[in-house]
Amino acid sequence: MPTDEPSPRLLLASASPTRRRMLEQAGLVFAAEAAPVDEEEAKRSLESEGADAAALAEALAELKARAVSRRHPGRFVIGADQVLDCEGRRFDKPPDAAAARAQLMALRGKTHELISAAVVVRDGERLWHHTARARLTMRPFSPAFLDEYLARGLPDILGSVGAYRLEGLGAQLFSRIEGDYFTILGLPLLPLLDFLRPHGLVPA
């Protein structure tokens, strides 16, 4: 249906409901559009070139922002990505329950890092970027707890690189957390707001 309302100046290049919710709750006016990017192919290419976890997250965030920016001249486009690194091993979103179980068993009793990157692009130019890290230590939970956790958390947890959501039952997996809450959710929100404010995209 046609509308006379102007399109938002801000776009989120992501299908992530968690990132959308963060921006909505922060009071931003924006539209969201999934980036037409083959993330798996991009990751393989970047890893073959020796990209570390931080470089990988930043490059993927920029790739997403640029892909959406090409369709929307003049708009500020936010790209974001998150990488989980545990002792040099990287983990992606688990495709199914068996993969989620195996991933959580691999992380159990260990400390891993979540690296979240955000990039803002307008008209093909990268205007800003920020990468943040958080360290999370999983407790040595019991097999019975894991069974209960999976029964209650699936399929929702399959949308997370760690097979957990800290804002829910996933909090019970951990004994120690060091880092910014928003970084753990997948977006360094406070630095992003600081960048957007002078551009009139966030109230000053």
C-alpha atoms as a PDB file:
ATOM      1  CA  MET A   1       0.000   0.000   0.000  1.00  0.00           C
ATOM      2  CA  PRO A   2       1.514   3.394  -0.948  1.00  0.00           C
ATOM      3  CA  THR A   3       2.577   5.709   1.869  1.00  0.00           C
ATOM      4  CA  ASP A   4       3.758   9.307   2.059  1.00  0.00           C
ATOM      5  CA  GLU A   5       5.995   8.599   5.040  1.00  0.00           C
ATOM      6  CA  PRO A   6       9.690   9.118   4.242  1.00  0.00           C
ATOM      7  CA  SER A   7      11.975   6.105   4.395  1.00  0.00           C
ATOM      8  CA  PRO A   8      14.179   5.996   7.489  1.00  0.00           C
ATOM      9  CA  ARG A   9      17.693   7.393   7.017  1.00  0.00           C
ATOM     10  CA  LEU A  10      19.057   4.413   8.922  1.00  0.00           C
ATOM     11  CA  LEU A  11      19.121   0.808   7.757  1.00  0.00           C
ATOM     12  CA  LEU A  12      20.175  -2.345   9.592  1.00  0.00           C
ATOM     13  CA  ALA A  13      21.704  -4.870   7.199  1.00  0.00           C
ATOM     14  CA  SER A  14      20.611  -7.875   9.222  1.00  0.00           C
ATOM     15  CA  ALA A  15      17.798 -10.355   9.698  1.00  0.00           C
ATOM     16  CA  SER A  16      18.760 -10.841  13.354  1.00  0.00           C
ATOM     17  CA  PRO A  17      15.751 -10.334  15.635  1.00  0.00           C
ATOM     18  CA  THR A  18      18.090  -9.689  18.572  1.00  0.00           C
ATOM     19  CA  ARG A  19      19.870  -6.810  16.816  1.00  0.00           C
ATOM     20  CA  ARG A  20      16.557  -5.362  15.637  1.00  0.00           C
ATOM     21  CA  ARG A  21      15.218  -5.529  19.174  1.00  0.00           C
ATOM     22  CA  MET A  22      18.303  -3.773  20.581  1.00  0.00           C
ATOM     23  CA  LEU A  23      17.920  -0.858  18.178  1.00  0.00           C
ATOM     24  CA  GLU A  24      14.159  -0.653  18.728  1.00  0.00           C
ATOM     25  CA  GLN A  25      14.547  -0.626  22.499  1.00  0.00           C
ATOM     26  CA  ALA A  26      17.199   2.083  22.184  1.00  0.00           C
ATOM     27  CA  GLY A  27      14.610   4.235  20.404  1.00  0.00           C
ATOM     28  CA  LEU A  28      16.105   4.284  16.909  1.00  0.00           C
ATOM     29  CA  VAL A  29      13.991   4.796  13.799  1.00  0.00           C
ATOM     30  CA  PHE A  30      15.268   2.408  11.154  1.00  0.00           C
ATOM     31  CA  ALA A  31      14.398  -0.233   8.577  1.00  0.00           C
ATOM     32  CA  ALA A  32      15.937  -3.702   8.454  1.00  0.00           C
ATOM     33  CA  GLU A  33      16.967  -5.654   5.382  1.00  0.00           C
ATOM     34  CA  ALA A  34      18.843  -8.939   5.226  1.00  0.00           C
ATOM     35  CA  ALA A  35      22.113  -8.604   3.342  1.00  0.00           C
ATOM     36  CA  PRO A  36      22.381 -10.677   0.133  1.00  0.00           C
ATOM     37  CA  VAL A  37      25.697 -12.191   1.188  1.00  0.00           C
ATOM     38  CA  ASP A  38      26.910 -15.796   1.188  1.00  0.00           C
ATOM     39  CA  GLU A  39      28.406 -15.682   4.687  1.00  0.00           C
ATOM     40  CA  GLU A  40      29.821 -19.193   4.602  1.00  0.00           C
ATOM     41  CA  GLU A  41      31.686 -18.595   1.366  1.00  0.00           C
ATOM     42  CA  ALA A  42      32.957 -15.242   2.644  1.00  0.00           C
ATOM     43  CA  LYS A  43      34.169 -16.859   5.884  1.00  0.00           C
ATOM     44  CA  ARG A  44      36.006 -19.605   4.009  1.00  0.00           C
ATOM     45  CA  SER A  45      37.718 -17.043   1.797  1.00  0.00           C
ATOM     46  CA  LEU A  46      38.732 -14.799   4.708  1.00  0.00           C
ATOM     47  CA  GLU A  47      39.960 -17.707   6.826  1.00  0.00           C
ATOM     48  CA  SER A  48      42.021 -19.023   3.926  1.00  0.00           C
ATOM     49  CA  GLU A  49      43.727 -15.617   3.857  1.00  0.00           C
ATOM     50  CA  GLY A  50      44.583 -15.970   7.561  1.00  0.00           C
ATOM     51  CA  ALA A  51      42.033 -13.541   9.023  1.00  0.00           C
ATOM     52  CA  ASP A  52      41.830 -13.717  12.817  1.00  0.00           C
ATOM     53  CA  ALA A  53      38.505 -13.623  14.684  1.00  0.00           C
ATOM     54  CA  ALA A  54      38.366  -9.826  14.961  1.00  0.00           C
ATOM     55  CA  ALA A  55      39.299  -9.261  11.311  1.00  0.00           C
ATOM     56  CA  LEU A  56      36.730 -11.856  10.273  1.00  0.00           C
ATOM     57  CA  ALA A  57      33.894 -10.214  12.238  1.00  0.00           C
ATOM     58  CA  GLU A  58      34.765  -6.741  10.929  1.00  0.00           C
ATOM     59  CA  ALA A  59      35.098  -7.866   7.307  1.00  0.00           C
ATOM     60  CA  LEU A  60      31.767  -9.692   7.372  1.00  0.00           C
ATOM     61  CA  ALA A  61      30.035  -6.710   8.993  1.00  0.00           C
ATOM     62  CA  GLU A  62      31.373  -4.412   6.275  1.00  0.00           C
ATOM     63  CA  LEU A  63      30.466  -6.858   3.513  1.00  0.00           C
ATOM     64  CA  LYS A  64      26.847  -6.917   4.712  1.00  0.00           C
ATOM     65  CA  ALA A  65      26.650  -3.134   5.053  1.00  0.00           C
ATOM     66  CA  ARG A  66      28.081  -2.551   1.569  1.00  0.00           C
ATOM     67  CA  ALA A  67      25.732  -5.093  -0.021  1.00  0.00           C
ATOM     68  CA  VAL A  68      22.660  -3.322   1.370  1.00  0.00           C
ATOM     69  CA  SER A  69      24.105   0.176   0.825  1.00  0.00           C
ATOM     70  CA  ARG A  70      24.278  -0.430  -2.917  1.00  0.00           C
ATOM     71  CA  ARG A  71      20.476  -0.642  -2.985  1.00  0.00           C
ATOM     72  CA  HIS A  72      19.878   2.462  -0.861  1.00  0.00           C
ATOM     73  CA  PRO A  73      21.897   5.550  -1.843  1.00  0.00           C
ATOM     74  CA  GLY A  74      22.194   8.237   0.777  1.00  0.00           C
ATOM     75  CA  ARG A  75      21.210   5.987   3.669  1.00  0.00           C
ATOM     76  CA  PHE A  76      23.316   5.090   6.695  1.00  0.00           C
ATOM     77  CA  VAL A  77      23.642   1.295   6.720  1.00  0.00           C
ATOM     78  CA  ILE A  78      24.719  -0.699   9.770  1.00  0.00           C
ATOM     79  CA  GLY A  79      26.398  -4.044   9.211  1.00  0.00           C
ATOM     80  CA  ALA A  80      27.192  -6.331  12.138  1.00  0.00           C
ATOM     81  CA  ASP A  81      28.731  -9.714  12.758  1.00  0.00           C
ATOM     82  CA  GLN A  82      29.813 -11.850  15.675  1.00  0.00           C
ATOM     83  CA  VAL A  83      32.479 -14.548  15.939  1.00  0.00           C
ATOM     84  CA  LEU A  84      32.968 -17.032  18.787  1.00  0.00           C
ATOM     85  CA  ASP A  85      36.545 -18.132  19.423  1.00  0.00           C
ATOM     86  CA  CYS A  86      37.507 -20.796  21.962  1.00  0.00           C
ATOM     87  CA  GLU A  87      41.199 -21.606  22.231  1.00  0.00           C
ATOM     88  CA  GLY A  88      41.709 -20.859  18.543  1.00  0.00           C
ATOM     89  CA  ARG A  89      38.651 -22.787  17.372  1.00  0.00           C
ATOM     90  CA  ARG A  90      35.770 -20.839  15.851  1.00  0.00           C
ATOM     91  CA  PHE A  91      32.148 -21.793  16.249  1.00  0.00           C
ATOM     92  CA  ASP A  92      29.162 -20.903  14.068  1.00  0.00           C
ATOM     93  CA  LYS A  93      25.436 -21.120  14.658  1.00  0.00           C
ATOM     94  CA  PRO A  94      24.621 -24.818  15.149  1.00  0.00           C
ATOM     95  CA  PRO A  95      22.324 -26.184  12.425  1.00  0.00           C
ATOM     96  CA  ASP A  96      20.462 -28.639  14.646  1.00  0.00           C
ATOM     97  CA  ALA A  97      20.062 -30.038  18.165  1.00  0.00           C
ATOM     98  CA  ALA A  98      22.912 -32.531  17.830  1.00  0.00           C
ATOM     99  CA  ALA A  99      25.311 -29.788  16.740  1.00  0.00           C
ATOM    100  CA  ALA A 100      24.150 -27.539  19.600  1.00  0.00           C
ATOM    101  CA  ARG A 101      24.817 -30.320  22.113  1.00  0.00           C
ATOM    102  CA  ALA A 102      28.277 -31.019  20.686  1.00  0.00           C
ATOM    103  CA  GLN A 103      29.131 -27.324  20.680  1.00  0.00           C
ATOM    104  CA  LEU A 104      28.069 -26.789  24.287  1.00  0.00           C
ATOM    105  CA  MET A 105      30.026 -29.852  25.375  1.00  0.00           C
ATOM    106  CA  ALA A 106      33.106 -28.428  23.619  1.00  0.00           C
ATOM    107  CA  LEU A 107      32.678 -25.086  25.439  1.00  0.00           C
ATOM    108  CA  ARG A 108      31.841 -26.588  28.850  1.00  0.00           C
ATOM    109  CA  GLY A 109      34.317 -25.634  31.584  1.00  0.00           C
ATOM    110  CA  LYS A 110      36.279 -23.344  29.231  1.00  0.00           C
ATOM    111  CA  THR A 111      36.588 -19.617  28.585  1.00  0.00           C
ATOM    112  CA  HIS A 112      35.688 -18.352  25.136  1.00  0.00           C
ATOM    113  CA  GLU A 113      35.566 -14.956  23.467  1.00  0.00           C
ATOM    114  CA  LEU A 114      32.711 -13.308  21.629  1.00  0.00           C
ATOM    115  CA  ILE A 115      33.919 -10.711  19.149  1.00  0.00           C
ATOM    116  CA  SER A 116      31.211  -8.353  17.870  1.00  0.00           C
ATOM    117  CA  ALA A 117      31.859  -5.866  15.076  1.00  0.00           C
ATOM    118  CA  ALA A 118      29.740  -3.095  13.596  1.00  0.00           C
ATOM    119  CA  VAL A 119      30.392  -1.020  10.482  1.00  0.00           C
ATOM    120  CA  VAL A 120      28.435   1.937   9.105  1.00  0.00           C
ATOM    121  CA  VAL A 121      28.518   2.548   5.350  1.00  0.00           C
ATOM    122  CA  ARG A 122      26.915   5.280   3.230  1.00  0.00           C
ATOM    123  CA  ASP A 123      27.129   5.404  -0.560  1.00  0.00           C
ATOM    124  CA  GLY A 124      29.843   2.766  -0.577  1.00  0.00           C
ATOM    125  CA  GLU A 125      32.076   4.596   1.911  1.00  0.00           C
ATOM    126  CA  ARG A 126      32.894   3.137   5.304  1.00  0.00           C
ATOM    127  CA  LEU A 127      32.218   5.937   7.777  1.00  0.00           C
ATOM    128  CA  TRP A 128      32.817   4.136  11.058  1.00  0.00           C
ATOM    129  CA  HIS A 129      33.621   0.776  12.581  1.00  0.00           C
ATOM    130  CA  HIS A 130      34.039  -0.683  16.042  1.00  0.00           C
ATOM    131  CA  THR A 131      35.007  -4.123  17.320  1.00  0.00           C
ATOM    132  CA  ALA A 132      34.444  -5.237  20.920  1.00  0.00           C
ATOM    133  CA  ARG A 133      35.270  -8.396  22.852  1.00  0.00           C
ATOM    134  CA  ALA A 134      33.704 -10.218  25.775  1.00  0.00           C
ATOM    135  CA  ARG A 135      35.066 -13.222  27.694  1.00  0.00           C
ATOM    136  CA  LEU A 136      32.676 -15.855  29.002  1.00  0.00           C
ATOM    137  CA  THR A 137      33.495 -18.872  31.153  1.00  0.00           C
ATOM    138  CA  MET A 138      31.107 -21.823  31.095  1.00  0.00           C
ATOM    139  CA  ARG A 139      30.720 -23.804  34.267  1.00  0.00           C
ATOM    140  CA  PRO A 140      31.183 -27.599  34.182  1.00  0.00           C
ATOM    141  CA  PHE A 141      27.433 -28.256  34.011  1.00  0.00           C
ATOM    142  CA  SER A 142      26.014 -31.753  34.323  1.00  0.00           C
ATOM    143  CA  PRO A 143      24.638 -33.867  31.452  1.00  0.00           C
ATOM    144  CA  ALA A 144      21.224 -33.681  33.123  1.00  0.00           C
ATOM    145  CA  PHE A 145      21.331 -29.883  33.071  1.00  0.00           C
ATOM    146  CA  LEU A 146      22.332 -29.910  29.401  1.00  0.00           C
ATOM    147  CA  ASP A 147      19.395 -32.190  28.542  1.00  0.00           C
ATOM    148  CA  GLU A 148      16.992 -29.838  30.319  1.00  0.00           C
ATOM    149  CA  TYR A 149      18.582 -26.775  28.765  1.00  0.00           C
ATOM    150  CA  LEU A 150      18.257 -28.148  25.229  1.00  0.00           C
ATOM    151  CA  ALA A 151      14.691 -29.298  25.820  1.00  0.00           C
ATOM    152  CA  ARG A 152      13.679 -25.813  26.921  1.00  0.00           C
ATOM    153  CA  GLY A 153      15.904 -23.761  24.622  1.00  0.00           C
ATOM    154  CA  LEU A 154      15.437 -25.370  21.230  1.00  0.00           C
ATOM    155  CA  PRO A 155      14.951 -24.231  18.532  1.00  0.00           C
ATOM    156  CA  ASP A 156      15.543 -20.636  19.651  1.00  0.00           C
ATOM    157  CA  ILE A 157      19.191 -21.174  20.616  1.00  0.00           C
ATOM    158  CA  LEU A 158      20.072 -22.302  17.073  1.00  0.00           C
ATOM    159  CA  GLY A 159      20.060 -18.621  16.118  1.00  0.00           C
ATOM    160  CA  SER A 160      23.113 -17.909  18.292  1.00  0.00           C
ATOM    161  CA  VAL A 161      26.773 -18.625  17.538  1.00  0.00           C
ATOM    162  CA  GLY A 162      27.186 -20.005  21.060  1.00  0.00           C
ATOM    163  CA  ALA A 163      23.938 -22.007  21.183  1.00  0.00           C
ATOM    164  CA  TYR A 164      22.843 -19.813  24.080  1.00  0.00           C
ATOM    165  CA  ARG A 165      21.036 -16.565  24.765  1.00  0.00           C
ATOM    166  CA  LEU A 166      22.369 -14.774  27.791  1.00  0.00           C
ATOM    167  CA  GLU A 167      19.091 -12.900  28.246  1.00  0.00           C
ATOM    168  CA  GLY A 168      17.325 -16.206  28.924  1.00  0.00           C
ATOM    169  CA  LEU A 169      18.124 -19.653  30.304  1.00  0.00           C
ATOM    170  CA  GLY A 170      21.617 -19.379  28.831  1.00  0.00           C
ATOM    171  CA  ALA A 171      22.678 -17.329  31.860  1.00  0.00           C
ATOM    172  CA  GLN A 172      22.732 -20.573  33.834  1.00  0.00           C
ATOM    173  CA  LEU A 173      25.542 -21.951  31.661  1.00  0.00           C
ATOM    174  CA  PHE A 174      28.124 -19.503  32.992  1.00  0.00           C
ATOM    175  CA  SER A 175      30.303 -19.006  36.046  1.00  0.00           C
ATOM    176  CA  ARG A 176      31.962 -15.756  34.907  1.00  0.00           C
ATOM    177  CA  ILE A 177      31.322 -13.067  32.314  1.00  0.00           C
ATOM    178  CA  GLU A 178      33.638 -10.190  31.452  1.00  0.00           C
ATOM    179  CA  GLY A 179      32.506  -7.624  28.932  1.00  0.00           C
ATOM    180  CA  ASP A 180      29.712  -5.437  27.672  1.00  0.00           C
ATOM    181  CA  TYR A 181      26.227  -6.958  27.653  1.00  0.00           C
ATOM    182  CA  PHE A 182      25.354  -5.586  24.212  1.00  0.00           C
ATOM    183  CA  THR A 183      28.587  -6.977  22.780  1.00  0.00           C
ATOM    184  CA  ILE A 184      27.535 -10.408  24.008  1.00  0.00           C
ATOM    185  CA  LEU A 185      24.159  -9.996  22.295  1.00  0.00           C
ATOM    186  CA  GLY A 186      25.939  -9.254  19.007  1.00  0.00           C
ATOM    187  CA  LEU A 187      26.223  -5.480  18.604  1.00  0.00           C
ATOM    188  CA  PRO A 188      28.536  -2.905  20.274  1.00  0.00           C
ATOM    189  CA  LEU A 189      25.538  -0.655  20.839  1.00  0.00           C
ATOM    190  CA  LEU A 190      26.928   2.199  22.962  1.00  0.00           C
ATOM    191  CA  PRO A 191      29.790   3.102  20.583  1.00  0.00           C
ATOM    192  CA  LEU A 192      27.319   2.878  17.691  1.00  0.00           C
ATOM    193  CA  LEU A 193      24.943   5.319  19.385  1.00  0.00           C
ATOM    194  CA  ASP A 194      27.850   7.710  19.981  1.00  0.00           C
ATOM    195  CA  PHE A 195      28.607   7.672  16.250  1.00  0.00           C
ATOM    196  CA  LEU A 196      24.992   8.117  15.141  1.00  0.00           C
ATOM    197  CA  ARG A 197      24.195  11.001  17.518  1.00  0.00           C
ATOM    198  CA  PRO A 198      26.088  13.798  15.674  1.00  0.00           C
ATOM    199  CA  HIS A 199      24.363  12.749  12.448  1.00  0.00           C
ATOM    200  CA  GLY A 200      20.939  13.375  13.942  1.00  0.00           C
ATOM    201  CA  LEU A 201      20.020   9.687  13.908  1.00  0.00           C
ATOM    202  CA  VAL A 202      19.825   9.492  17.704  1.00  0.00           C
ATOM    203  CA  PRO A 203      18.584  12.285  19.995  1.00  0.00           C
ATOM    204  CA  ALA A 204      21.437  14.309  21.476  1.00  0.00           C
END
